[in-house]
């Protein structure tokens, strides 16, 4: 009889331990979901700041370049169309699912699928937008070189354009690497959580 009571007590303690572990797993999963969500939100804020910063730089530059007749109207139209395309392509296609505030309230497997697709779309967008950017750069250089403006203005614009190109390229590569690293880390965390769930 005494052995039976001890066995029941051990079973009750074991069940209590299992319940505590299950609760800890739930809390841990909730904290991980919150951390992943915060990282995506911070990334989105960085991108939004960058999108706001571009017009602040570009609008005065275009006004100066146009006032000195160093850029053709067709190139200006192409540039504006290119920038609008890039912003809309990102928000409506590349980042649409990741911008969902409830992303990390979904099933873990669904979150992972969305992030893998986001990464694929991001890389594809580079292959689409990079050639369009190269077209802009070549056209811009040709417009400057064929400009009737003073030579020093053309040289200054070329130096400014090359400096902006180098700075923008370095920033873009660093941003892209940081973004992909973050996405890869979140996917690895999701894999970890999914493997725990299977056990």
Protein backbone atom coordinates (compact mmCIF):
# COMPACT_ATOMS: atom_id res chain seq x y z
CA UNK A 1 0.00 0.00 0.00
CA UNK A 2 2.81 2.34 0.93
CA UNK A 3 4.63 1.52 -2.34
CA UNK A 4 1.46 2.33 -4.25
CA UNK A 5 1.25 5.78 -2.59
CA UNK A 6 4.92 6.45 -3.37
CA UNK A 7 4.37 5.44 -7.00
CA UNK A 8 1.36 7.74 -7.30
CA UNK A 9 3.30 10.56 -5.66
CA UNK A 10 6.21 10.03 -8.11
CA UNK A 11 3.80 10.02 -11.04
CA UNK A 12 2.20 13.24 -9.77
CA UNK A 13 5.65 14.86 -9.40
CA UNK A 14 6.66 13.68 -12.88
CA UNK A 15 3.45 15.14 -14.35
CA UNK A 16 4.08 18.40 -12.49
CA UNK A 17 7.62 18.51 -13.92
CA UNK A 18 6.30 17.84 -17.44
CA UNK A 19 3.74 20.63 -17.05
CA UNK A 20 6.44 23.05 -15.88
CA UNK A 21 8.65 22.15 -18.85
CA UNK A 22 5.73 22.59 -21.25
CA UNK A 23 4.98 26.02 -19.73
CA UNK A 24 8.65 27.01 -20.03
CA UNK A 25 8.65 25.93 -23.69
CA UNK A 26 5.54 28.04 -24.35
CA UNK A 27 7.11 31.09 -22.64
CA UNK A 28 10.40 30.49 -24.50
CA UNK A 29 8.57 30.19 -27.83
CA UNK A 30 6.60 33.36 -27.10
CA UNK A 31 9.80 35.26 -26.27
CA UNK A 32 11.49 33.99 -29.43
CA UNK A 33 8.49 35.00 -31.54
CA UNK A 34 8.59 38.48 -29.96
CA UNK A 35 12.35 38.82 -30.60
CA UNK A 36 11.95 37.73 -34.24
CA UNK A 37 9.03 40.12 -34.71
CA UNK A 38 11.07 42.99 -33.21
CA UNK A 39 13.96 42.29 -35.59
CA UNK A 40 11.67 42.36 -38.63
CA UNK A 41 10.00 45.57 -37.35
CA UNK A 42 13.39 47.26 -36.86
CA UNK A 43 14.44 46.21 -40.36
CA UNK A 44 11.23 47.69 -41.78
CA UNK A 45 11.85 50.97 -39.90
CA UNK A 46 15.39 51.16 -41.33
CA UNK A 47 14.03 50.62 -44.83
CA UNK A 48 11.31 53.26 -44.33
CA UNK A 49 13.92 55.78 -43.13
CA UNK A 50 16.02 55.03 -46.21
CA UNK A 51 12.98 55.55 -48.47
CA UNK A 52 12.32 58.92 -46.79
CA UNK A 53 15.99 59.92 -47.05
CA UNK A 54 16.19 59.33 -50.82
CA UNK A 55 13.85 62.18 -51.86
CA UNK A 56 15.66 64.56 -49.48
CA UNK A 57 18.89 63.89 -51.40
CA UNK A 58 17.51 63.41 -54.91
CA UNK A 59 15.04 66.28 -55.29
CA UNK A 60 17.59 69.09 -54.65
CA UNK A 61 20.16 67.25 -56.81
CA UNK A 62 17.73 66.98 -59.72
CA UNK A 63 16.72 70.64 -59.39
CA UNK A 64 20.38 71.72 -59.55
CA UNK A 65 21.20 69.39 -62.45
CA UNK A 66 18.10 70.47 -64.42
CA UNK A 67 18.74 74.16 -63.77
CA UNK A 68 22.19 73.82 -65.38
CA UNK A 69 20.77 71.76 -68.28
CA UNK A 70 22.89 68.69 -67.51
CA UNK A 71 20.09 66.14 -67.59
CA UNK A 72 17.52 65.47 -70.28
CA UNK A 73 13.82 65.40 -69.49
CA UNK A 74 13.51 61.78 -70.77
CA UNK A 75 16.23 60.74 -68.28
CA UNK A 76 14.44 62.56 -65.48
CA UNK A 77 11.19 60.74 -66.36
CA UNK A 78 13.07 57.41 -66.53
CA UNK A 79 14.69 58.09 -63.14
CA UNK A 80 11.41 58.94 -61.45
CA UNK A 81 9.72 55.90 -63.03
CA UNK A 82 12.63 53.70 -61.90
CA UNK A 83 12.46 54.95 -58.30
CA UNK A 84 8.67 54.58 -58.13
CA UNK A 85 8.95 51.07 -59.61
CA UNK A 86 11.59 50.08 -57.02
CA UNK A 87 9.50 51.33 -54.09
CA UNK A 88 6.25 49.75 -55.32
CA UNK A 89 7.98 46.48 -56.28
CA UNK A 90 9.44 46.23 -52.79
CA UNK A 91 6.29 47.09 -50.85
CA UNK A 92 3.76 45.27 -53.03
CA UNK A 93 5.78 42.18 -53.94
CA UNK A 94 9.04 41.62 -52.05
CA UNK A 95 8.13 42.71 -48.51
CA UNK A 96 4.35 42.40 -48.56
CA UNK A 97 4.05 39.23 -46.46
CA UNK A 98 6.91 40.17 -44.11
CA UNK A 99 5.24 43.52 -43.36
CA UNK A 100 2.26 41.62 -41.91
CA UNK A 101 2.11 42.57 -38.21
CA UNK A 102 0.73 39.14 -37.36
CA UNK A 103 3.49 37.26 -39.16
CA UNK A 104 4.86 35.62 -36.02
CA UNK A 105 1.42 34.74 -34.67
CA UNK A 106 1.10 32.22 -37.50
CA UNK A 107 2.26 28.62 -37.40
CA UNK A 108 6.05 28.35 -37.25
CA UNK A 109 6.24 26.38 -40.51
CA UNK A 110 4.20 29.11 -42.24
CA UNK A 111 6.52 31.82 -40.84
CA UNK A 112 9.54 29.96 -42.16
CA UNK A 113 7.93 29.53 -45.58
CA UNK A 114 7.16 33.26 -45.76
CA UNK A 115 10.72 34.22 -44.80
CA UNK A 116 12.29 31.81 -47.29
CA UNK A 117 10.04 33.28 -50.00
CA UNK A 118 10.95 36.82 -48.88
CA UNK A 119 14.64 35.98 -49.21
CA UNK A 120 14.08 34.51 -52.69
CA UNK A 121 12.08 37.58 -53.79
CA UNK A 122 14.69 39.93 -52.34
CA UNK A 123 17.49 38.29 -54.34
CA UNK A 124 15.33 38.25 -57.47
CA UNK A 125 14.63 41.97 -57.06
CA UNK A 126 18.39 42.65 -57.20
CA UNK A 127 18.57 40.92 -60.59
CA UNK A 128 15.66 43.05 -61.85
CA UNK A 129 16.59 46.47 -60.43
CA UNK A 130 20.38 46.34 -60.93
CA UNK A 131 20.27 46.41 -64.78
CA UNK A 132 17.76 49.28 -64.61
CA UNK A 133 20.17 51.16 -62.34
CA UNK A 134 23.07 50.51 -64.74
CA UNK A 135 20.97 51.92 -67.60
CA UNK A 136 20.36 55.05 -65.50
CA UNK A 137 24.08 55.46 -64.71
CA UNK A 138 25.17 55.11 -68.34
CA UNK A 139 22.43 57.47 -69.54
CA UNK A 140 23.29 60.00 -66.81
CA UNK A 141 27.00 59.93 -67.74
CA UNK A 142 26.17 60.37 -71.44
CA UNK A 143 23.84 63.29 -70.66
CA UNK A 144 26.54 64.95 -68.57
CA UNK A 145 29.24 64.44 -71.20
CA UNK A 146 27.03 65.83 -73.96
CA UNK A 147 25.90 68.77 -71.83
CA UNK A 148 26.49 72.32 -73.06
CA UNK A 149 27.13 73.54 -69.50
CA UNK A 150 30.44 74.83 -68.25
CA UNK A 151 33.12 72.16 -68.11
CA UNK A 152 33.75 72.59 -64.37
CA UNK A 153 30.02 71.96 -63.67
CA UNK A 154 30.10 68.77 -65.71
CA UNK A 155 33.28 67.58 -63.95
CA UNK A 156 31.82 68.47 -60.52
CA UNK A 157 28.61 66.60 -61.37
CA UNK A 158 30.58 63.55 -62.54
CA UNK A 159 32.67 63.59 -59.34
CA UNK A 160 29.51 63.95 -57.26
CA UNK A 161 27.81 61.17 -59.24
CA UNK A 162 30.78 58.80 -58.86
CA UNK A 163 31.05 59.61 -55.13
CA UNK A 164 27.32 58.98 -54.70
CA UNK A 165 27.58 55.76 -56.70
CA UNK A 166 30.46 54.44 -54.57
CA UNK A 167 28.80 55.48 -51.30
CA UNK A 168 25.42 54.11 -52.38
CA UNK A 169 26.96 50.83 -53.53
CA UNK A 170 28.85 50.33 -50.26
CA UNK A 171 25.74 51.17 -48.23
CA UNK A 172 23.53 48.92 -50.38
CA UNK A 173 25.88 45.94 -50.09
CA UNK A 174 26.18 46.41 -46.31
CA UNK A 175 22.40 46.79 -45.97
CA UNK A 176 21.71 43.74 -48.14
CA UNK A 177 24.22 41.59 -46.21
CA UNK A 178 22.77 42.68 -42.85
CA UNK A 179 19.22 42.00 -44.04
CA UNK A 180 20.08 38.54 -45.40
CA UNK A 181 22.03 37.68 -42.24
CA UNK A 182 19.03 38.65 -40.11
CA UNK A 183 16.63 36.59 -42.25
CA UNK A 184 18.99 33.57 -42.16
CA UNK A 185 19.27 33.83 -38.36
CA UNK A 186 15.48 34.00 -37.96
CA UNK A 187 15.04 31.00 -40.29
CA UNK A 188 17.62 29.09 -38.18
CA UNK A 189 15.67 30.01 -35.01
CA UNK A 190 12.45 28.82 -36.61
CA UNK A 191 14.13 25.54 -37.58
CA UNK A 192 15.23 25.15 -33.96
CA UNK A 193 11.70 25.76 -32.68
CA UNK A 194 10.24 23.40 -35.28
CA UNK A 195 12.65 20.64 -34.27
CA UNK A 196 11.70 21.11 -30.60
CA UNK A 197 8.01 20.91 -31.57
CA UNK A 198 8.60 17.61 -33.39
CA UNK A 199 10.17 16.12 -30.28
